[in-house]
Amino acid sequence: MFEEQGSWNGPSGIIPFNNKIAWTLLPNSGTILCSHLRYGDNNPEYLAEFSESTNSTWSGLEPYHCADDRYEGTLELESATLTLTWNVTGPKKNQVISCVYT
């Protein structure tokens, strides 16, 4: 599990946030599940399942949908840094969100 703290930089200013992310390795398939735990540790919300596409990059198998917006995820490992990038498209959003874990 990762506990995130950070800030969103947007048109209305800087907004602080915190979140908890659960990562689960599925040994039989070799994939990694990503869920957020903002509704409690016993109530995970599935976000994506990642499969290795290169030695340092994992791609989401299916996009995550939040209302009509589509989140496509990529994980990248470089040295001791893991970067989760969401490309978000839809009627309400057109943005890239990067979460850097060190």
C-alpha atoms as a PDB file:
ATOM      1  CA  MET A   1       0.000   0.000   0.000  1.00  0.00           C
ATOM      2  CA  PHE A   2       1.055   3.545  -0.726  1.00  0.00           C
ATOM      3  CA  GLU A   3      -0.247   6.559   1.124  1.00  0.00           C
ATOM      4  CA  GLU A   4      -0.238   9.585  -1.149  1.00  0.00           C
ATOM      5  CA  GLN A   5      -0.089  13.229  -0.241  1.00  0.00           C
ATOM      6  CA  GLY A   6       0.225  15.997  -2.746  1.00  0.00           C
ATOM      7  CA  SER A   7      -1.445  18.879  -4.429  1.00  0.00           C
ATOM      8  CA  TRP A   8      -3.478  19.434  -7.554  1.00  0.00           C
ATOM      9  CA  ASN A   9      -2.397  22.475  -9.540  1.00  0.00           C
ATOM     10  CA  GLY A  10      -5.365  23.705 -11.521  1.00  0.00           C
ATOM     11  CA  PRO A  11      -7.089  26.825 -12.762  1.00  0.00           C
ATOM     12  CA  SER A  12      -8.683  27.474  -9.361  1.00  0.00           C
ATOM     13  CA  GLY A  13      -5.373  27.180  -7.510  1.00  0.00           C
ATOM     14  CA  ILE A  14      -3.574  24.538  -5.501  1.00  0.00           C
ATOM     15  CA  ILE A  15      -5.709  21.933  -3.716  1.00  0.00           C
ATOM     16  CA  PRO A  16      -4.078  19.529  -1.207  1.00  0.00           C
ATOM     17  CA  PHE A  17      -5.128  15.866  -1.239  1.00  0.00           C
ATOM     18  CA  ASN A  18      -4.359  12.504   0.353  1.00  0.00           C
ATOM     19  CA  ASN A  19      -5.207   8.996  -0.774  1.00  0.00           C
ATOM     20  CA  LYS A  20      -4.291   5.373  -0.126  1.00  0.00           C
ATOM     21  CA  ILE A  21      -3.524   3.025  -3.019  1.00  0.00           C
ATOM     22  CA  ALA A  22      -3.400  -0.791  -2.786  1.00  0.00           C
ATOM     23  CA  TRP A  23      -1.196  -2.734  -5.174  1.00  0.00           C
ATOM     24  CA  THR A  24      -1.737  -6.499  -5.505  1.00  0.00           C
ATOM     25  CA  LEU A  25       0.502  -8.837  -7.500  1.00  0.00           C
ATOM     26  CA  LEU A  26      -1.467 -11.663  -9.115  1.00  0.00           C
ATOM     27  CA  PRO A  27       1.165 -14.417  -9.469  1.00  0.00           C
ATOM     28  CA  ASN A  28      -0.926 -16.688 -11.719  1.00  0.00           C
ATOM     29  CA  SER A  29      -1.385 -14.008 -14.375  1.00  0.00           C
ATOM     30  CA  GLY A  30       1.742 -11.939 -13.708  1.00  0.00           C
ATOM     31  CA  THR A  31      -0.357  -8.782 -13.526  1.00  0.00           C
ATOM     32  CA  ILE A  32      -0.670  -6.072 -10.881  1.00  0.00           C
ATOM     33  CA  LEU A  33      -4.021  -4.760  -9.604  1.00  0.00           C
ATOM     34  CA  CYS A  34      -4.354  -1.136  -8.514  1.00  0.00           C
ATOM     35  CA  SER A  35      -7.212  -0.003  -6.251  1.00  0.00           C
ATOM     36  CA  HIS A  36      -7.818   3.095  -4.178  1.00  0.00           C
ATOM     37  CA  LEU A  37      -8.871   2.810  -0.552  1.00  0.00           C
ATOM     38  CA  ARG A  38     -10.427   6.225   0.023  1.00  0.00           C
ATOM     39  CA  TYR A  39     -13.604   4.502   1.278  1.00  0.00           C
ATOM     40  CA  GLY A  40     -11.661   2.347   3.762  1.00  0.00           C
ATOM     41  CA  ASP A  41      -9.181  -0.532   3.683  1.00  0.00           C
ATOM     42  CA  ASN A  42     -12.006  -3.086   3.434  1.00  0.00           C
ATOM     43  CA  ASN A  43     -13.767  -1.303   0.584  1.00  0.00           C
ATOM     44  CA  PRO A  44     -11.272  -1.073  -2.317  1.00  0.00           C
ATOM     45  CA  GLU A  45     -12.331   0.497  -5.597  1.00  0.00           C
ATOM     46  CA  TYR A  46     -10.682  -1.232  -8.545  1.00  0.00           C
ATOM     47  CA  LEU A  47      -8.868   1.155 -10.873  1.00  0.00           C
ATOM     48  CA  ALA A  48      -6.740  -0.924 -13.237  1.00  0.00           C
ATOM     49  CA  GLU A  49      -4.910  -4.153 -13.905  1.00  0.00           C
ATOM     50  CA  PHE A  50      -1.417  -3.719 -15.358  1.00  0.00           C
ATOM     51  CA  SER A  51       0.559  -6.125 -17.521  1.00  0.00           C
ATOM     52  CA  GLU A  52       4.271  -5.830 -18.327  1.00  0.00           C
ATOM     53  CA  SER A  53       4.839  -4.396 -21.802  1.00  0.00           C
ATOM     54  CA  THR A  54       8.622  -3.774 -21.583  1.00  0.00           C
ATOM     55  CA  ASN A  55      11.266  -4.382 -18.921  1.00  0.00           C
ATOM     56  CA  SER A  56      10.381  -1.098 -17.197  1.00  0.00           C
ATOM     57  CA  THR A  57       6.821  -0.323 -18.352  1.00  0.00           C
ATOM     58  CA  TRP A  58       3.461  -1.844 -17.422  1.00  0.00           C
ATOM     59  CA  SER A  59       0.293  -0.935 -19.347  1.00  0.00           C
ATOM     60  CA  GLY A  60      -3.303  -1.013 -18.158  1.00  0.00           C
ATOM     61  CA  LEU A  61      -5.283  -3.861 -19.713  1.00  0.00           C
ATOM     62  CA  GLU A  62      -8.561  -1.922 -19.745  1.00  0.00           C
ATOM     63  CA  PRO A  63      -9.337   1.737 -19.109  1.00  0.00           C
ATOM     64  CA  TYR A  64     -10.996   2.812 -15.875  1.00  0.00           C
ATOM     65  CA  HIS A  65     -14.221   4.770 -16.351  1.00  0.00           C
ATOM     66  CA  CYS A  66     -15.398   7.488 -13.998  1.00  0.00           C
ATOM     67  CA  ALA A  67     -18.777   8.623 -15.324  1.00  0.00           C
ATOM     68  CA  ASP A  68     -18.089   9.425 -19.000  1.00  0.00           C
ATOM     69  CA  ASP A  69     -14.363  10.051 -18.505  1.00  0.00           C
ATOM     70  CA  ARG A  70     -11.823   7.399 -19.465  1.00  0.00           C
ATOM     71  CA  TYR A  71      -8.575   6.829 -17.531  1.00  0.00           C
ATOM     72  CA  GLU A  72      -5.810   4.883 -19.278  1.00  0.00           C
ATOM     73  CA  GLY A  73      -2.931   3.962 -16.983  1.00  0.00           C
ATOM     74  CA  THR A  74       0.746   3.252 -17.426  1.00  0.00           C
ATOM     75  CA  LEU A  75       3.338   2.291 -14.801  1.00  0.00           C
ATOM     76  CA  GLU A  76       6.995   3.044 -15.359  1.00  0.00           C
ATOM     77  CA  LEU A  77       9.880   1.950 -13.139  1.00  0.00           C
ATOM     78  CA  GLU A  78      13.139   3.860 -13.388  1.00  0.00           C
ATOM     79  CA  SER A  79      15.841   3.274 -10.800  1.00  0.00           C
ATOM     80  CA  ALA A  80      14.001   3.533  -7.436  1.00  0.00           C
ATOM     81  CA  THR A  81      11.119   5.623  -8.787  1.00  0.00           C
ATOM     82  CA  LEU A  82       7.706   4.304  -9.830  1.00  0.00           C
ATOM     83  CA  THR A  83       5.544   6.631 -11.934  1.00  0.00           C
ATOM     84  CA  LEU A  84       1.830   6.005 -12.461  1.00  0.00           C
ATOM     85  CA  THR A  85       0.479   8.076 -15.353  1.00  0.00           C
ATOM     86  CA  TRP A  86      -3.215   8.431 -16.167  1.00  0.00           C
ATOM     87  CA  ASN A  87      -4.211   9.815 -19.573  1.00  0.00           C
ATOM     88  CA  VAL A  88      -7.716  11.107 -18.953  1.00  0.00           C
ATOM     89  CA  THR A  89     -10.141  11.899 -21.769  1.00  0.00           C
ATOM     90  CA  GLY A  90     -13.843  12.562 -21.888  1.00  0.00           C
ATOM     91  CA  PRO A  91     -16.480  15.254 -21.941  1.00  0.00           C
ATOM     92  CA  LYS A  92     -15.372  16.705 -18.570  1.00  0.00           C
ATOM     93  CA  LYS A  93     -11.628  16.050 -18.616  1.00  0.00           C
ATOM     94  CA  ASN A  94      -8.683  16.133 -20.983  1.00  0.00           C
ATOM     95  CA  GLN A  95      -5.556  15.862 -18.862  1.00  0.00           C
ATOM     96  CA  VAL A  96      -2.553  13.814 -17.815  1.00  0.00           C
ATOM     97  CA  ILE A  97      -2.113  12.928 -14.128  1.00  0.00           C
ATOM     98  CA  SER A  98       1.275  11.689 -12.927  1.00  0.00           C
ATOM     99  CA  CYS A  99       1.847  10.145  -9.508  1.00  0.00           C
ATOM    100  CA  VAL A 100       5.520   9.670  -8.637  1.00  0.00           C
ATOM    101  CA  TYR A 101       6.410   7.191  -5.877  1.00  0.00           C
ATOM    102  CA  THR A 102       9.942   7.378  -4.497  1.00  0.00           C
END
